Protein backbone atom coordinates (compact mmCIF):
# COMPACT_ATOMS: atom_id res chain seq x y z
CA MET A 1 0.35 -14.46 -0.60
CA ILE A 2 -0.17 -10.95 0.75
CA ARG A 3 1.22 -10.23 4.21
CA VAL A 4 0.07 -7.23 6.25
CA LEU A 5 3.18 -5.54 7.67
CA GLY A 6 1.45 -2.39 8.86
CA CYS A 7 -2.11 -1.04 8.78
CA SER A 8 -2.28 1.72 11.38
CA GLY A 9 -2.88 5.40 10.81
CA SER A 10 0.04 6.25 13.09
CA ILE A 11 2.56 4.57 15.38
CA ALA A 12 2.58 3.04 18.84
CA ALA A 13 3.74 -0.28 20.27
CA ARG A 14 2.69 -3.00 17.79
CA CYS A 15 1.13 -0.36 15.53
CA HIS A 16 2.94 0.31 12.26
CA THR A 17 1.97 2.38 9.26
CA THR A 18 0.83 0.99 5.93
CA ALA A 19 2.84 -1.70 4.16
CA PHE A 20 1.91 -4.98 2.47
CA LEU A 21 4.24 -7.67 1.15
CA LEU A 22 3.10 -9.49 -2.02
CA ASP A 23 4.84 -12.86 -2.15
CA ASP A 24 8.39 -12.10 -1.01
CA ASP A 25 9.50 -9.46 -3.50
CA ILE A 26 6.86 -6.72 -3.92
CA LEU A 27 5.94 -4.09 -1.36
CA ILE A 28 2.66 -2.23 -1.67
CA ASP A 29 3.41 0.98 0.23
CA ALA A 30 6.41 1.27 2.49
CA GLY A 31 5.38 2.65 5.85
CA SER A 32 6.97 1.73 9.16
CA GLY A 33 5.61 -1.82 8.90
CA VAL A 34 8.50 -2.65 6.54
CA GLY A 35 10.72 -2.68 9.63
CA GLU A 36 9.03 -5.93 10.68
CA LEU A 37 10.98 -7.77 7.96
CA ARG A 38 14.32 -9.47 8.61
CA LEU A 39 17.34 -8.20 6.72
CA ASP A 40 17.32 -11.19 4.36
CA GLU A 41 13.63 -10.54 3.64
CA LEU A 42 14.35 -6.88 2.93
CA ALA A 43 17.08 -7.87 0.49
CA ARG A 44 14.60 -9.91 -1.58
CA ILE A 45 12.35 -6.93 -2.35
CA ASP A 46 12.59 -6.03 -6.04
CA HIS A 47 9.58 -3.69 -6.44
CA ILE A 48 7.79 -1.08 -4.34
CA LEU A 49 4.36 0.22 -5.36
CA ILE A 50 3.58 3.54 -3.71
CA SER A 51 0.04 4.88 -3.28
CA HIS A 52 1.00 8.51 -2.55
CA SER A 53 3.71 10.73 -1.12
CA HIS A 54 2.68 11.05 2.53
CA LEU A 55 5.33 10.05 5.03
CA ASP A 56 3.42 7.18 6.63
CA HIS A 57 3.43 5.40 3.25
CA ILE A 58 6.99 6.06 2.07
CA LEU A 59 9.17 6.46 5.15
CA SER A 60 10.84 3.04 4.87
CA ILE A 61 12.04 3.49 1.28
CA PRO A 62 15.23 5.45 2.11
CA LEU A 63 16.03 3.23 5.09
CA LEU A 64 15.41 0.06 3.07
CA ALA A 65 17.79 1.25 0.35
CA ASP A 66 20.49 1.90 2.94
CA SER A 67 19.98 -1.49 4.59
CA VAL A 68 20.24 -3.71 1.52
CA ILE A 69 22.62 -1.95 -0.84
CA LYS A 70 25.63 -4.16 0.02
CA LEU A 71 23.60 -7.37 0.04
CA ARG A 72 22.15 -6.59 -3.38
CA MET A 73 25.66 -6.09 -4.76
CA GLY A 74 26.42 -9.67 -3.78
CA GLY A 75 29.96 -8.82 -2.72
CA ALA A 76 30.81 -7.34 -6.11
CA GLY A 77 30.98 -3.72 -7.24
CA PRO A 78 28.15 -1.33 -8.12
CA GLN A 79 27.88 -2.79 -11.62
CA ALA A 80 26.51 -6.00 -10.05
CA LEU A 81 23.87 -4.18 -8.00
CA ARG A 82 20.30 -5.42 -8.42
CA PRO A 83 18.20 -2.24 -8.14
CA ILE A 84 14.87 -1.91 -6.39
CA HIS A 85 12.20 -0.57 -8.74
CA VAL A 86 9.86 2.02 -7.21
CA HIS A 87 6.55 2.58 -9.04
CA ALA A 88 4.49 5.70 -8.35
CA LEU A 89 2.58 8.57 -9.91
CA PRO A 90 4.78 11.27 -11.48
CA GLU A 91 3.75 13.72 -8.75
CA THR A 92 4.73 11.23 -6.06
CA ILE A 93 8.12 10.66 -7.66
CA GLU A 94 8.71 14.41 -7.89
CA ALA A 95 7.80 14.80 -4.21
CA MET A 96 10.26 12.09 -3.16
CA ARG A 97 13.03 13.61 -5.28
CA ALA A 98 12.41 17.10 -3.88
CA HIS A 99 11.80 16.29 -0.23
CA ILE A 100 13.47 12.95 0.58
CA PHE A 101 16.28 12.10 -1.83
CA ASN A 102 17.77 15.59 -1.79
CA GLY A 103 20.96 15.22 0.23
CA VAL A 104 19.39 17.16 3.10
CA ILE A 105 16.78 14.79 4.52
CA TRP A 106 18.49 11.69 3.04
CA PRO A 107 21.17 10.84 0.48
CA ASP A 108 19.96 10.48 -3.09
CA PHE A 109 19.81 6.71 -3.47
CA THR A 110 18.50 7.17 -7.00
CA ARG A 111 22.14 8.09 -7.80
CA LEU A 112 23.99 5.92 -5.27
CA PRO A 113 26.27 4.04 -5.20
CA SER A 114 26.61 5.55 -8.69
CA ALA A 115 24.38 7.37 -11.16
CA ALA A 116 24.85 4.50 -13.62
CA HIS A 117 24.02 1.81 -11.03
CA PRO A 118 21.66 3.19 -8.36
CA VAL A 119 19.99 1.07 -5.73
CA LEU A 120 16.63 2.76 -6.43
CA VAL A 121 15.11 3.18 -9.90
CA LEU A 122 11.92 5.26 -10.10
CA HIS A 123 9.15 4.42 -12.60
CA GLU A 124 6.10 6.55 -13.38
CA ILE A 125 2.69 4.89 -13.42
CA GLU A 126 -0.84 6.11 -14.19
CA VAL A 127 -4.38 5.27 -13.15
CA GLY A 128 -5.79 2.44 -15.26
CA GLN A 129 -2.42 0.89 -15.94
CA VAL A 130 -1.88 -2.86 -15.41
CA LEU A 131 1.55 -3.66 -14.00
CA ARG A 132 3.07 -7.06 -14.75
CA PHE A 133 5.63 -8.71 -12.50
CA PRO A 134 7.26 -12.07 -13.27
CA ALA A 135 6.98 -14.57 -10.44
CA ARG A 136 10.01 -16.62 -9.47
CA GLY A 137 9.56 -20.22 -10.51
CA GLN A 138 6.10 -19.65 -12.00
CA GLN A 139 4.87 -19.27 -15.57
CA ASP A 140 2.18 -16.66 -14.98
CA ASP A 141 2.98 -13.01 -14.31
CA ARG A 142 1.38 -11.27 -11.36
CA LEU A 143 -0.97 -8.49 -12.47
CA VAL A 144 -1.55 -5.38 -10.38
CA HIS A 145 -4.14 -2.81 -11.49
CA VAL A 146 -3.63 0.88 -10.66
CA LEU A 147 -6.85 2.30 -9.22
CA PRO A 148 -8.01 5.90 -8.69
CA ALA A 149 -7.95 7.42 -5.20
CA ALA A 150 -9.22 10.80 -3.97
CA HIS A 151 -6.84 12.28 -1.41
CA THR A 152 -5.21 15.62 -0.58
CA VAL A 153 -2.27 14.77 -2.84
CA PRO A 154 -2.27 12.75 -6.07
CA ALA A 155 -2.88 9.15 -5.02
CA VAL A 156 -3.79 5.69 -6.25
CA GLY A 157 -4.95 2.35 -4.92
CA TYR A 158 -4.01 -1.10 -6.18
CA ALA A 159 -5.81 -4.34 -7.06
CA VAL A 160 -3.89 -7.61 -7.18
CA ASP A 161 -5.37 -10.08 -9.66
CA THR A 162 -5.88 -13.47 -7.99
CA PRO A 163 -7.77 -16.66 -8.95
CA GLN A 164 -10.43 -15.64 -6.39
CA GLY A 165 -10.84 -12.19 -7.87
CA TRP A 166 -9.23 -8.86 -7.10
CA TRP A 167 -7.58 -8.14 -3.76
CA VAL A 168 -8.25 -4.41 -3.57
CA PHE A 169 -6.37 -1.83 -1.51
CA THR A 170 -7.97 1.59 -1.85
CA GLY A 171 -5.03 3.57 -0.52
CA ASP A 172 -5.83 6.74 1.40
CA THR A 173 -9.04 8.12 -0.06
CA GLY A 174 -12.12 10.13 0.67
CA PRO A 175 -15.40 9.58 -1.20
CA ASN A 176 -14.30 8.23 -4.56
CA PRO A 177 -16.89 7.61 -7.33
CA ALA A 178 -14.11 6.79 -9.81
CA LEU A 179 -13.04 3.81 -7.69
CA TRP A 180 -16.45 2.16 -7.83
CA GLN A 181 -16.62 2.77 -11.57
CA ALA A 182 -13.28 0.97 -11.91
CA LEU A 183 -14.48 -1.93 -9.74
CA ASN A 184 -17.85 -2.24 -11.48
CA GLY A 185 -18.21 -5.72 -12.95
CA GLN A 186 -15.08 -7.06 -11.26
CA ARG A 187 -15.10 -9.98 -8.86
CA ILE A 188 -13.73 -8.70 -5.54
CA ALA A 189 -12.06 -11.28 -3.31
CA GLN A 190 -11.26 -8.86 -0.49
CA LEU A 191 -11.57 -5.10 -0.14
CA VAL A 192 -9.07 -3.31 2.10
CA ILE A 193 -10.46 0.18 2.59
CA GLU A 194 -9.43 2.96 4.91
CA THR A 195 -11.45 4.55 7.69
CA ALA A 196 -9.09 6.96 9.40
CA PHE A 197 -11.49 8.74 11.76
CA GLY A 198 -14.61 8.10 13.80
CA ASN A 199 -17.85 9.91 13.06
CA GLU A 200 -17.14 12.44 15.80
CA GLU A 201 -14.20 13.63 13.67
CA ALA A 202 -15.95 13.42 10.30
CA HIS A 203 -14.99 17.03 9.62
CA LEU A 204 -11.31 16.09 9.92
CA ALA A 205 -11.85 13.14 7.57
CA HIS A 206 -13.43 15.49 5.05
CA ILE A 207 -10.68 18.12 5.02
CA SER A 208 -7.88 15.54 5.06
CA GLY A 209 -9.20 13.31 2.27
CA HIS A 210 -10.12 10.31 4.42
CA LEU A 211 -13.23 8.30 5.25
CA ALA A 212 -15.26 8.15 8.46
CA PRO A 213 -17.82 5.40 9.14
CA GLN A 214 -20.73 7.44 7.76
CA THR A 215 -18.94 8.14 4.47
CA LEU A 216 -17.59 4.58 4.33
CA ALA A 217 -21.18 3.26 4.49
CA GLN A 218 -22.09 5.47 1.56
CA GLU A 219 -19.12 4.17 -0.39
CA LEU A 220 -19.81 0.50 0.34
CA ALA A 221 -23.43 0.94 -0.79
CA GLN A 222 -22.04 1.23 -4.31
CA LEU A 223 -20.66 -2.33 -4.25
CA ASP A 224 -22.54 -5.12 -6.01
CA GLY A 225 -23.26 -8.06 -3.71
CA GLU A 226 -21.60 -8.98 -0.44
CA VAL A 227 -17.87 -8.43 -0.14
CA SER A 228 -15.35 -9.24 2.60
CA VAL A 229 -14.23 -5.82 3.83
CA TYR A 230 -11.14 -5.11 5.93
CA ILE A 231 -10.71 -1.74 7.60
CA THR A 232 -7.28 -0.12 7.61
CA HIS A 233 -5.75 3.18 8.80
CA PRO A 234 -7.55 3.92 12.12
CA LYS A 235 -5.32 5.59 14.69
CA PRO A 236 -3.80 3.47 17.49
CA GLY A 237 -6.36 2.75 20.19
CA GLU A 238 -9.34 3.80 18.05
CA VAL A 239 -10.02 0.54 16.17
CA PRO A 240 -12.83 -0.81 18.43
CA ALA A 241 -14.79 2.47 18.41
CA VAL A 242 -14.41 2.98 14.65
CA LEU A 243 -15.39 -0.61 13.90
CA SER A 244 -18.45 -0.37 16.17
CA GLN A 245 -19.63 2.73 14.31
CA ILE A 246 -19.08 1.03 10.95
CA ARG A 247 -21.04 -2.09 11.89
CA ALA A 248 -23.90 0.04 13.17
CA LEU A 249 -24.18 1.62 9.72
CA ASP A 250 -23.52 -1.40 7.47
CA SER A 251 -24.87 -4.89 8.15
CA ARG A 252 -24.68 -6.02 4.53
CA HIS A 253 -20.98 -6.84 4.30
CA GLN A 254 -18.65 -8.91 6.42
CA ILE A 255 -16.47 -6.19 7.96
CA GLU A 256 -13.34 -6.88 10.00
CA PRO A 257 -10.37 -4.82 11.14
CA LEU A 258 -7.17 -5.48 9.25
CA ARG A 259 -4.51 -6.94 11.54
CA GLU A 260 -0.74 -6.70 11.41
CA GLY A 261 0.69 -10.09 10.53
CA GLN A 262 -2.49 -11.15 8.73
CA ARG A 263 -1.85 -13.14 5.56
CA PHE A 264 -4.11 -13.46 2.56
CA HIS A 265 -3.46 -16.79 0.87
CA VAL A 266 -4.62 -17.38 -2.68
CA PRO A 267 -6.96 -19.14 -3.14
CA ALA A 268 -7.40 -19.88 0.59
CA GLU A 269 -9.06 -17.56 3.10
CA PRO A 270 -6.96 -15.07 5.11
CA ILE A 271 -5.53 -16.36 8.40
C-alpha cells in the first residue's frame, strides 16, 4: 500500500509537502506530510528514499531522527539502535551533510548517538538502479526503480513495482525526455506527476524546473495508451485552476488531483 502523506507545493492548513509511505516502513520523500504519522508509525520507518535536496522534500528527516532515536534503541544503549537508511543521489547526500546535518542548522544525526551507531545511515543511489527492500512477513522483495528527473538540482523519481504495473512518482521535474525513455514499454499502473504552476506562470515553471499544464500536456503525449494520472505539487488554493487548465489540454488520460490521505492498494484501485 502507498499512502499519500503530503502532496502540496507549499504549506497551509491541511496542505503538507511531499511524502509517501510505502507499506509501513519506507518513506518516499520526507516533506512536512511525515508529521501526519503517529510516533509509533514514525518509529517503524526503516528507509527513506529522497528525490532531491530541496527543503520541501527533506525537512522531516532531521525531526524524524530526533523523534524516534530512543524508541529505536528499544531501551538499550546505542549499540542496539536500529538505524534509518536514507537513499539519495550523491549530490543530495552532500547537500544534506553540508546544509542540514552540520551542527548549525541541526545536529549531525549521521554521527549520533555515536559515530559507530548513528540513527541515520546515508546510501548513494544512481539513476537506473533497482532498489530491493525485504517485506516483513512476505517472501518477495519490494522493488523500487530509480528514474531520471530534470530539475534545478540533481533529482530523481521513483517507480514502485506492483502486480498491476509500476506506480510512478516523477519527483520535481520539468520537461524530461529521459523519463519517457525509461518508461517506454513498461506497464504503468498510476502516474503521479507534478504540475507546480498554472499556465499564467509558465515562465516561473520553466526557470524553476517544474511543469505547467501546457508542458504537462506535451509530456503526457509521450505516453503509450491511457494512463491514470494524479497531479501533485500545486500550491495551496491553486489546485482547481491548475486541474481545469490541464483537463482543457488533455482529454486522453484520466487525470485527478492527488489527495492527502489517499491510499493506493495493490492490486485494488486507490481509495
